[in-house]
Amino acid sequence: FSAESDGGKRMEMLEIPSHKFYLGVQFHPEFSSRPGFPEEAFAAFVSAT
């Protein structure tokens, strides 16, 4: 796990570094994106595909 909630009560993100791209999240990064300002996790997904 690579990220937890603000209160530290749950895991929010999972990565597998040995894979080209593997990211599981407990939130919706696409909802934080705005034109010209993509959310970092969403931008990484788009770049990898």
C-alpha atoms as a PDB file:
ATOM      1  CA  PHE A   1       0.000   0.000   0.000  1.00  0.00           C
ATOM      2  CA  SER A   2       1.341   3.409  -0.876  1.00  0.00           C
ATOM      3  CA  ALA A   3      -1.230   5.840   0.570  1.00  0.00           C
ATOM      4  CA  GLU A   4      -3.682   5.963   3.444  1.00  0.00           C
ATOM      5  CA  SER A   5      -6.653   8.136   4.359  1.00  0.00           C
ATOM      6  CA  ASP A   6      -6.090  11.441   6.144  1.00  0.00           C
ATOM      7  CA  GLY A   7      -7.004   9.842   9.462  1.00  0.00           C
ATOM      8  CA  GLY A   8      -4.869   6.782   8.754  1.00  0.00           C
ATOM      9  CA  LYS A   9      -7.832   4.432   9.196  1.00  0.00           C
ATOM     10  CA  ARG A  10      -7.865   2.877   5.723  1.00  0.00           C
ATOM     11  CA  MET A  11      -5.560   2.259   2.815  1.00  0.00           C
ATOM     12  CA  GLU A  12      -6.320   4.457  -0.203  1.00  0.00           C
ATOM     13  CA  MET A  13      -3.813   3.373  -2.857  1.00  0.00           C
ATOM     14  CA  LEU A  14      -2.012   0.208  -3.969  1.00  0.00           C
ATOM     15  CA  GLU A  15       0.869   0.059  -6.432  1.00  0.00           C
ATOM     16  CA  ILE A  16       2.927  -2.819  -7.823  1.00  0.00           C
ATOM     17  CA  PRO A  17       6.271  -1.243  -8.797  1.00  0.00           C
ATOM     18  CA  SER A  18       7.427  -4.275 -10.807  1.00  0.00           C
ATOM     19  CA  HIS A  19       4.570  -3.771 -13.315  1.00  0.00           C
ATOM     20  CA  LYS A  20       4.633  -1.128 -16.043  1.00  0.00           C
ATOM     21  CA  PHE A  21       1.453   0.367 -14.616  1.00  0.00           C
ATOM     22  CA  TYR A  22      -0.658  -0.985 -11.770  1.00  0.00           C
ATOM     23  CA  LEU A  23      -2.554   1.351  -9.513  1.00  0.00           C
ATOM     24  CA  GLY A  24      -5.611   0.614  -7.405  1.00  0.00           C
ATOM     25  CA  VAL A  25      -7.293   3.477  -5.579  1.00  0.00           C
ATOM     26  CA  GLN A  26     -10.169   3.894  -3.125  1.00  0.00           C
ATOM     27  CA  PHE A  27     -11.065   7.305  -4.539  1.00  0.00           C
ATOM     28  CA  HIS A  28     -11.918   8.796  -7.945  1.00  0.00           C
ATOM     29  CA  PRO A  29      -8.910  10.750  -9.278  1.00  0.00           C
ATOM     30  CA  GLU A  30     -10.832  11.653 -12.432  1.00  0.00           C
ATOM     31  CA  PHE A  31     -13.235  13.730 -10.313  1.00  0.00           C
ATOM     32  CA  SER A  32     -10.329  15.929  -9.129  1.00  0.00           C
ATOM     33  CA  SER A  33      -9.104  16.596 -12.670  1.00  0.00           C
ATOM     34  CA  ARG A  34      -9.842  19.854 -14.450  1.00  0.00           C
ATOM     35  CA  PRO A  35      -9.074  20.846 -18.055  1.00  0.00           C
ATOM     36  CA  GLY A  36      -5.353  21.496 -18.205  1.00  0.00           C
ATOM     37  CA  PHE A  37      -4.855  20.305 -14.597  1.00  0.00           C
ATOM     38  CA  PRO A  38      -5.259  16.529 -14.429  1.00  0.00           C
ATOM     39  CA  GLU A  39      -5.040  14.787 -11.071  1.00  0.00           C
ATOM     40  CA  GLU A  40      -1.607  13.108 -10.828  1.00  0.00           C
ATOM     41  CA  ALA A  41      -2.814   9.478 -10.625  1.00  0.00           C
ATOM     42  CA  PHE A  42      -5.223   9.987 -13.528  1.00  0.00           C
ATOM     43  CA  ALA A  43      -2.522  11.655 -15.647  1.00  0.00           C
ATOM     44  CA  ALA A  44      -0.165   8.723 -14.956  1.00  0.00           C
ATOM     45  CA  PHE A  45      -2.853   6.283 -16.117  1.00  0.00           C
ATOM     46  CA  VAL A  46      -3.473   8.231 -19.325  1.00  0.00           C
ATOM     47  CA  SER A  47       0.274   8.443 -20.018  1.00  0.00           C
ATOM     48  CA  ALA A  48       0.709   4.693 -19.519  1.00  0.00           C
ATOM     49  CA  THR A  49      -2.108   3.697 -21.881  1.00  0.00           C
END
